[in-house]
Amino acid sequence: MITSIGRMFIKPGSENAAVAALKDLARKVKKEEGTLIYFVHTPDMKALSLPIASPFEVVFYEVYKDKKSLQIHLNGAFKDFTAKNKDLFQQTNGGEIFTAFVSLSRLGGFVKQ
């Protein structure tokens, strides 16, 4: 399995459209057979965060069956999402949505249903 955490940042003033686009992305990703877990979060600004969270931050928690499943995701729903929604998120100097992703090694844990 491949687990990662990703981050991107909504442009101020684009919150409503960005949240709608992110929810639509999650619905599309749900159809990807090899995507096992896909959570999209924004900070709870009423809760404690250290350091203080940005209200414009988006955090992704993702688990894929294997590398092939990750590539299917990156070249499918996610690629379409970034192409259609560039103007809603902070961009790199090259005009792409700024994304930061970290691959994780699982040490332990569980998911309760």
N, C-alpha and C. Protein backbone atom coordinates (compact mmCIF):
# COMPACT_ATOMS: atom_id res chain seq x y z
N MET A 1 0.84 -1.19 0.00
CA MET A 1 0.00 0.00 0.00
C MET A 1 0.88 1.24 0.00
N ILE A 2 0.34 2.30 -0.56
CA ILE A 2 1.02 3.59 -0.58
C ILE A 2 0.14 4.60 0.14
N THR A 3 0.71 5.25 1.14
CA THR A 3 -0.02 6.25 1.92
C THR A 3 0.68 7.58 1.76
N SER A 4 -0.09 8.65 1.59
CA SER A 4 0.51 9.98 1.48
C SER A 4 -0.39 11.03 2.11
N ILE A 5 0.26 12.12 2.45
CA ILE A 5 -0.45 13.32 2.90
C ILE A 5 -0.09 14.42 1.92
N GLY A 6 -1.09 15.13 1.46
CA GLY A 6 -0.86 16.23 0.52
C GLY A 6 -1.44 17.52 1.05
N ARG A 7 -0.92 18.62 0.53
CA ARG A 7 -1.42 19.94 0.93
C ARG A 7 -1.49 20.85 -0.29
N MET A 8 -2.49 21.69 -0.31
CA MET A 8 -2.58 22.78 -1.26
C MET A 8 -3.30 23.92 -0.56
N PHE A 9 -3.31 25.09 -1.18
CA PHE A 9 -3.86 26.27 -0.52
C PHE A 9 -4.86 26.97 -1.43
N ILE A 10 -6.04 27.23 -0.88
CA ILE A 10 -7.10 27.94 -1.60
C ILE A 10 -6.74 29.41 -1.69
N LYS A 11 -6.99 30.02 -2.84
CA LYS A 11 -6.79 31.47 -2.96
C LYS A 11 -7.88 32.18 -2.17
N PRO A 12 -7.51 33.18 -1.38
CA PRO A 12 -8.53 33.95 -0.66
C PRO A 12 -9.59 34.49 -1.62
N GLY A 13 -10.85 34.35 -1.22
CA GLY A 13 -11.97 34.77 -2.05
C GLY A 13 -12.53 33.65 -2.91
N SER A 14 -11.84 32.53 -2.97
CA SER A 14 -12.27 31.39 -3.80
C SER A 14 -12.76 30.22 -2.97
N GLU A 15 -12.99 30.45 -1.67
CA GLU A 15 -13.28 29.35 -0.76
C GLU A 15 -14.49 28.52 -1.18
N ASN A 16 -15.61 29.14 -1.49
CA ASN A 16 -16.83 28.38 -1.82
C ASN A 16 -16.65 27.54 -3.07
N ALA A 17 -16.10 28.13 -4.11
CA ALA A 17 -15.90 27.39 -5.36
C ALA A 17 -14.87 26.28 -5.18
N ALA A 18 -13.82 26.55 -4.41
CA ALA A 18 -12.78 25.54 -4.18
C ALA A 18 -13.33 24.36 -3.39
N VAL A 19 -14.11 24.63 -2.35
CA VAL A 19 -14.69 23.54 -1.55
C VAL A 19 -15.62 22.69 -2.41
N ALA A 20 -16.42 23.33 -3.25
CA ALA A 20 -17.31 22.57 -4.14
C ALA A 20 -16.50 21.70 -5.10
N ALA A 21 -15.41 22.24 -5.64
CA ALA A 21 -14.56 21.48 -6.56
C ALA A 21 -13.88 20.32 -5.84
N LEU A 22 -13.45 20.54 -4.60
CA LEU A 22 -12.81 19.47 -3.82
C LEU A 22 -13.79 18.35 -3.49
N LYS A 23 -15.02 18.70 -3.16
CA LYS A 23 -16.04 17.67 -2.89
C LYS A 23 -16.34 16.87 -4.14
N ASP A 24 -16.37 17.54 -5.30
CA ASP A 24 -16.59 16.86 -6.57
C ASP A 24 -15.42 15.92 -6.88
N LEU A 25 -14.20 16.39 -6.61
CA LEU A 25 -13.02 15.54 -6.80
C LEU A 25 -13.14 14.27 -5.96
N ALA A 26 -13.50 14.41 -4.69
CA ALA A 26 -13.62 13.24 -3.81
C ALA A 26 -14.65 12.25 -4.35
N ARG A 27 -15.76 12.75 -4.89
CA ARG A 27 -16.78 11.86 -5.47
C ARG A 27 -16.21 11.08 -6.66
N LYS A 28 -15.43 11.76 -7.48
CA LYS A 28 -14.84 11.10 -8.66
C LYS A 28 -13.78 10.09 -8.24
N VAL A 29 -12.96 10.45 -7.27
CA VAL A 29 -11.89 9.56 -6.81
C VAL A 29 -12.47 8.29 -6.18
N LYS A 30 -13.65 8.39 -5.59
CA LYS A 30 -14.29 7.22 -4.97
C LYS A 30 -14.48 6.10 -5.98
N LYS A 31 -14.58 6.43 -7.26
CA LYS A 31 -14.78 5.43 -8.32
C LYS A 31 -13.49 4.73 -8.72
N GLU A 32 -12.34 5.24 -8.28
CA GLU A 32 -11.06 4.63 -8.61
C GLU A 32 -10.89 3.36 -7.78
N GLU A 33 -10.80 2.25 -8.44
CA GLU A 33 -10.77 0.95 -7.76
C GLU A 33 -9.60 0.82 -6.78
N GLY A 34 -8.44 1.31 -7.14
CA GLY A 34 -7.26 1.14 -6.31
C GLY A 34 -7.04 2.21 -5.26
N THR A 35 -7.94 3.18 -5.19
CA THR A 35 -7.86 4.20 -4.15
C THR A 35 -8.67 3.69 -2.97
N LEU A 36 -7.98 3.36 -1.88
CA LEU A 36 -8.62 2.71 -0.74
C LEU A 36 -9.17 3.72 0.27
N ILE A 37 -8.43 4.80 0.49
CA ILE A 37 -8.86 5.86 1.41
C ILE A 37 -8.53 7.19 0.76
N TYR A 38 -9.45 8.12 0.81
CA TYR A 38 -9.21 9.45 0.24
C TYR A 38 -10.02 10.46 1.04
N PHE A 39 -9.35 11.14 1.94
CA PHE A 39 -9.99 12.16 2.78
C PHE A 39 -9.45 13.53 2.40
N VAL A 40 -10.35 14.49 2.28
CA VAL A 40 -9.98 15.88 2.02
C VAL A 40 -10.45 16.71 3.21
N HIS A 41 -9.53 17.46 3.80
CA HIS A 41 -9.83 18.23 5.01
C HIS A 41 -9.43 19.69 4.85
N THR A 42 -10.12 20.55 5.58
CA THR A 42 -9.68 21.91 5.82
C THR A 42 -9.59 22.07 7.33
N PRO A 43 -8.78 23.01 7.82
CA PRO A 43 -8.62 23.15 9.26
C PRO A 43 -9.91 23.55 9.96
N ASP A 44 -10.08 23.03 11.16
CA ASP A 44 -11.16 23.46 12.05
C ASP A 44 -10.59 24.65 12.82
N MET A 45 -10.96 25.84 12.40
CA MET A 45 -10.37 27.06 12.96
C MET A 45 -10.82 27.32 14.39
N LYS A 46 -11.81 26.56 14.88
CA LYS A 46 -12.26 26.71 16.27
C LYS A 46 -11.49 25.79 17.21
N ALA A 47 -10.76 24.85 16.65
CA ALA A 47 -10.00 23.90 17.46
C ALA A 47 -8.54 24.34 17.57
N LEU A 48 -7.86 23.79 18.53
CA LEU A 48 -6.45 24.10 18.74
C LEU A 48 -5.60 23.50 17.63
N SER A 49 -4.74 24.29 17.05
CA SER A 49 -3.75 23.83 16.08
C SER A 49 -2.43 24.49 16.41
N LEU A 50 -1.37 23.70 16.43
CA LEU A 50 -0.03 24.24 16.66
C LEU A 50 0.89 23.72 15.57
N PRO A 51 1.51 24.55 14.78
CA PRO A 51 1.31 26.00 14.76
C PRO A 51 -0.10 26.33 14.27
N ILE A 52 -0.47 27.58 14.39
CA ILE A 52 -1.81 28.01 13.99
C ILE A 52 -2.01 27.69 12.51
N ALA A 53 -3.13 27.05 12.21
CA ALA A 53 -3.43 26.63 10.84
C ALA A 53 -3.89 27.79 9.99
N SER A 54 -3.70 27.65 8.70
CA SER A 54 -4.22 28.62 7.74
C SER A 54 -5.62 28.18 7.33
N PRO A 55 -6.60 29.09 7.34
CA PRO A 55 -7.95 28.72 6.93
C PRO A 55 -8.03 28.36 5.45
N PHE A 56 -6.96 28.63 4.70
CA PHE A 56 -6.95 28.36 3.26
C PHE A 56 -6.27 27.04 2.91
N GLU A 57 -5.75 26.35 3.92
CA GLU A 57 -5.04 25.10 3.68
C GLU A 57 -6.02 23.94 3.44
N VAL A 58 -5.65 23.07 2.52
CA VAL A 58 -6.39 21.84 2.25
C VAL A 58 -5.41 20.69 2.51
N VAL A 59 -5.84 19.70 3.28
CA VAL A 59 -4.99 18.55 3.60
C VAL A 59 -5.66 17.29 3.07
N PHE A 60 -4.90 16.50 2.33
CA PHE A 60 -5.37 15.24 1.77
C PHE A 60 -4.72 14.09 2.53
N TYR A 61 -5.49 13.07 2.87
CA TYR A 61 -4.95 11.82 3.41
C TYR A 61 -5.38 10.74 2.44
N GLU A 62 -4.40 10.04 1.86
CA GLU A 62 -4.69 9.12 0.77
C GLU A 62 -4.00 7.78 0.98
N VAL A 63 -4.70 6.70 0.64
CA VAL A 63 -4.10 5.36 0.67
C VAL A 63 -4.46 4.67 -0.64
N TYR A 64 -3.43 4.17 -1.32
CA TYR A 64 -3.61 3.49 -2.59
C TYR A 64 -3.17 2.04 -2.47
N LYS A 65 -3.79 1.19 -3.25
CA LYS A 65 -3.48 -0.24 -3.25
C LYS A 65 -2.02 -0.49 -3.63
N ASP A 66 -1.54 0.24 -4.64
CA ASP A 66 -0.18 0.05 -5.14
C ASP A 66 0.23 1.25 -5.99
N LYS A 67 1.45 1.21 -6.53
CA LYS A 67 1.95 2.32 -7.34
C LYS A 67 1.09 2.55 -8.58
N LYS A 68 0.63 1.47 -9.18
CA LYS A 68 -0.21 1.59 -10.37
C LYS A 68 -1.48 2.37 -10.04
N SER A 69 -2.08 2.10 -8.91
CA SER A 69 -3.31 2.80 -8.50
C SER A 69 -3.04 4.28 -8.26
N LEU A 70 -1.89 4.60 -7.67
CA LEU A 70 -1.51 6.00 -7.48
C LEU A 70 -1.35 6.69 -8.83
N GLN A 71 -0.70 6.04 -9.77
CA GLN A 71 -0.51 6.63 -11.10
C GLN A 71 -1.84 6.84 -11.82
N ILE A 72 -2.75 5.89 -11.68
CA ILE A 72 -4.09 6.05 -12.27
C ILE A 72 -4.76 7.28 -11.69
N HIS A 73 -4.64 7.47 -10.39
CA HIS A 73 -5.23 8.65 -9.74
C HIS A 73 -4.58 9.94 -10.25
N LEU A 74 -3.26 9.97 -10.25
CA LEU A 74 -2.55 11.20 -10.64
C LEU A 74 -2.81 11.57 -12.10
N ASN A 75 -3.00 10.57 -12.95
CA ASN A 75 -3.21 10.84 -14.37
C ASN A 75 -4.68 10.89 -14.76
N GLY A 76 -5.57 10.73 -13.78
CA GLY A 76 -7.01 10.74 -14.06
C GLY A 76 -7.71 11.87 -13.38
N ALA A 77 -8.46 11.55 -12.33
CA ALA A 77 -9.30 12.54 -11.65
C ALA A 77 -8.50 13.73 -11.12
N PHE A 78 -7.33 13.47 -10.55
CA PHE A 78 -6.55 14.57 -9.98
C PHE A 78 -6.01 15.48 -11.07
N LYS A 79 -5.55 14.91 -12.16
CA LYS A 79 -5.05 15.72 -13.29
C LYS A 79 -6.17 16.59 -13.86
N ASP A 80 -7.34 16.01 -14.03
CA ASP A 80 -8.50 16.77 -14.52
C ASP A 80 -8.85 17.90 -13.55
N PHE A 81 -8.83 17.59 -12.25
CA PHE A 81 -9.15 18.58 -11.22
C PHE A 81 -8.19 19.76 -11.28
N THR A 82 -6.88 19.48 -11.34
CA THR A 82 -5.91 20.57 -11.35
C THR A 82 -6.01 21.40 -12.63
N ALA A 83 -6.31 20.77 -13.75
CA ALA A 83 -6.44 21.51 -15.00
C ALA A 83 -7.64 22.45 -14.98
N LYS A 84 -8.74 22.01 -14.39
CA LYS A 84 -9.98 22.79 -14.40
C LYS A 84 -10.06 23.83 -13.29
N ASN A 85 -9.25 23.69 -12.24
CA ASN A 85 -9.42 24.53 -11.05
C ASN A 85 -8.19 25.33 -10.66
N LYS A 86 -7.28 25.56 -11.59
CA LYS A 86 -6.05 26.29 -11.29
C LYS A 86 -6.31 27.64 -10.63
N ASP A 87 -7.31 28.33 -11.10
CA ASP A 87 -7.56 29.69 -10.61
C ASP A 87 -8.08 29.75 -9.18
N LEU A 88 -8.46 28.62 -8.61
CA LEU A 88 -9.01 28.60 -7.25
C LEU A 88 -7.95 28.38 -6.17
N PHE A 89 -6.74 27.99 -6.58
CA PHE A 89 -5.70 27.60 -5.63
C PHE A 89 -4.40 28.36 -5.89
N GLN A 90 -3.57 28.45 -4.85
CA GLN A 90 -2.26 29.08 -5.00
C GLN A 90 -1.48 28.31 -6.05
N GLN A 91 -0.71 29.05 -6.86
CA GLN A 91 0.01 28.44 -7.96
C GLN A 91 1.52 28.60 -7.82
N THR A 92 2.23 27.72 -8.50
CA THR A 92 3.69 27.85 -8.61
C THR A 92 3.99 28.95 -9.61
N ASN A 93 5.25 29.32 -9.73
CA ASN A 93 5.65 30.31 -10.74
C ASN A 93 5.34 29.84 -12.15
N GLY A 94 5.24 28.53 -12.33
CA GLY A 94 4.91 27.97 -13.64
C GLY A 94 3.42 27.90 -13.92
N GLY A 95 2.59 28.36 -12.98
CA GLY A 95 1.16 28.40 -13.19
C GLY A 95 0.40 27.15 -12.80
N GLU A 96 1.09 26.16 -12.23
CA GLU A 96 0.42 24.95 -11.77
C GLU A 96 -0.02 25.13 -10.32
N ILE A 97 -1.03 24.36 -9.90
CA ILE A 97 -1.44 24.41 -8.49
C ILE A 97 -0.28 23.94 -7.63
N PHE A 98 0.06 24.74 -6.61
CA PHE A 98 1.12 24.34 -5.69
C PHE A 98 0.60 23.19 -4.84
N THR A 99 1.28 22.06 -4.94
CA THR A 99 0.92 20.90 -4.12
C THR A 99 2.17 20.37 -3.43
N ALA A 100 2.02 19.97 -2.20
CA ALA A 100 3.10 19.34 -1.45
C ALA A 100 2.60 17.98 -0.99
N PHE A 101 3.32 16.92 -1.33
CA PHE A 101 2.91 15.57 -0.94
C PHE A 101 4.07 14.86 -0.27
N VAL A 102 3.75 14.10 0.75
CA VAL A 102 4.74 13.31 1.48
C VAL A 102 4.25 11.86 1.50
N SER A 103 5.10 10.95 1.03
CA SER A 103 4.79 9.52 1.14
C SER A 103 5.15 9.07 2.55
N LEU A 104 4.30 8.24 3.12
CA LEU A 104 4.46 7.83 4.51
C LEU A 104 4.74 6.33 4.63
N SER A 105 5.47 5.96 5.67
CA SER A 105 5.66 4.55 6.03
C SER A 105 4.80 4.26 7.25
N ARG A 106 3.93 3.28 7.14
CA ARG A 106 3.02 2.96 8.23
C ARG A 106 3.75 2.18 9.32
N LEU A 107 3.64 2.69 10.54
CA LEU A 107 4.25 2.03 11.69
C LEU A 107 3.24 1.22 12.48
N GLY A 108 1.97 1.59 12.40
CA GLY A 108 0.92 0.91 13.14
C GLY A 108 -0.36 1.72 13.02
N GLY A 109 -1.39 1.27 13.71
CA GLY A 109 -2.65 2.00 13.72
C GLY A 109 -3.81 1.16 13.25
N PHE A 110 -4.96 1.79 13.10
CA PHE A 110 -6.18 1.07 12.74
C PHE A 110 -7.22 2.05 12.21
N VAL A 111 -8.26 1.50 11.62
CA VAL A 111 -9.44 2.25 11.21
C VAL A 111 -10.63 1.50 11.77
N LYS A 112 -11.47 2.17 12.55
CA LYS A 112 -12.69 1.55 13.07
C LYS A 112 -13.86 1.96 12.18
N GLN A 113 -14.75 1.05 11.97
CA GLN A 113 -15.96 1.33 11.18
C GLN A 113 -17.14 1.41 12.10
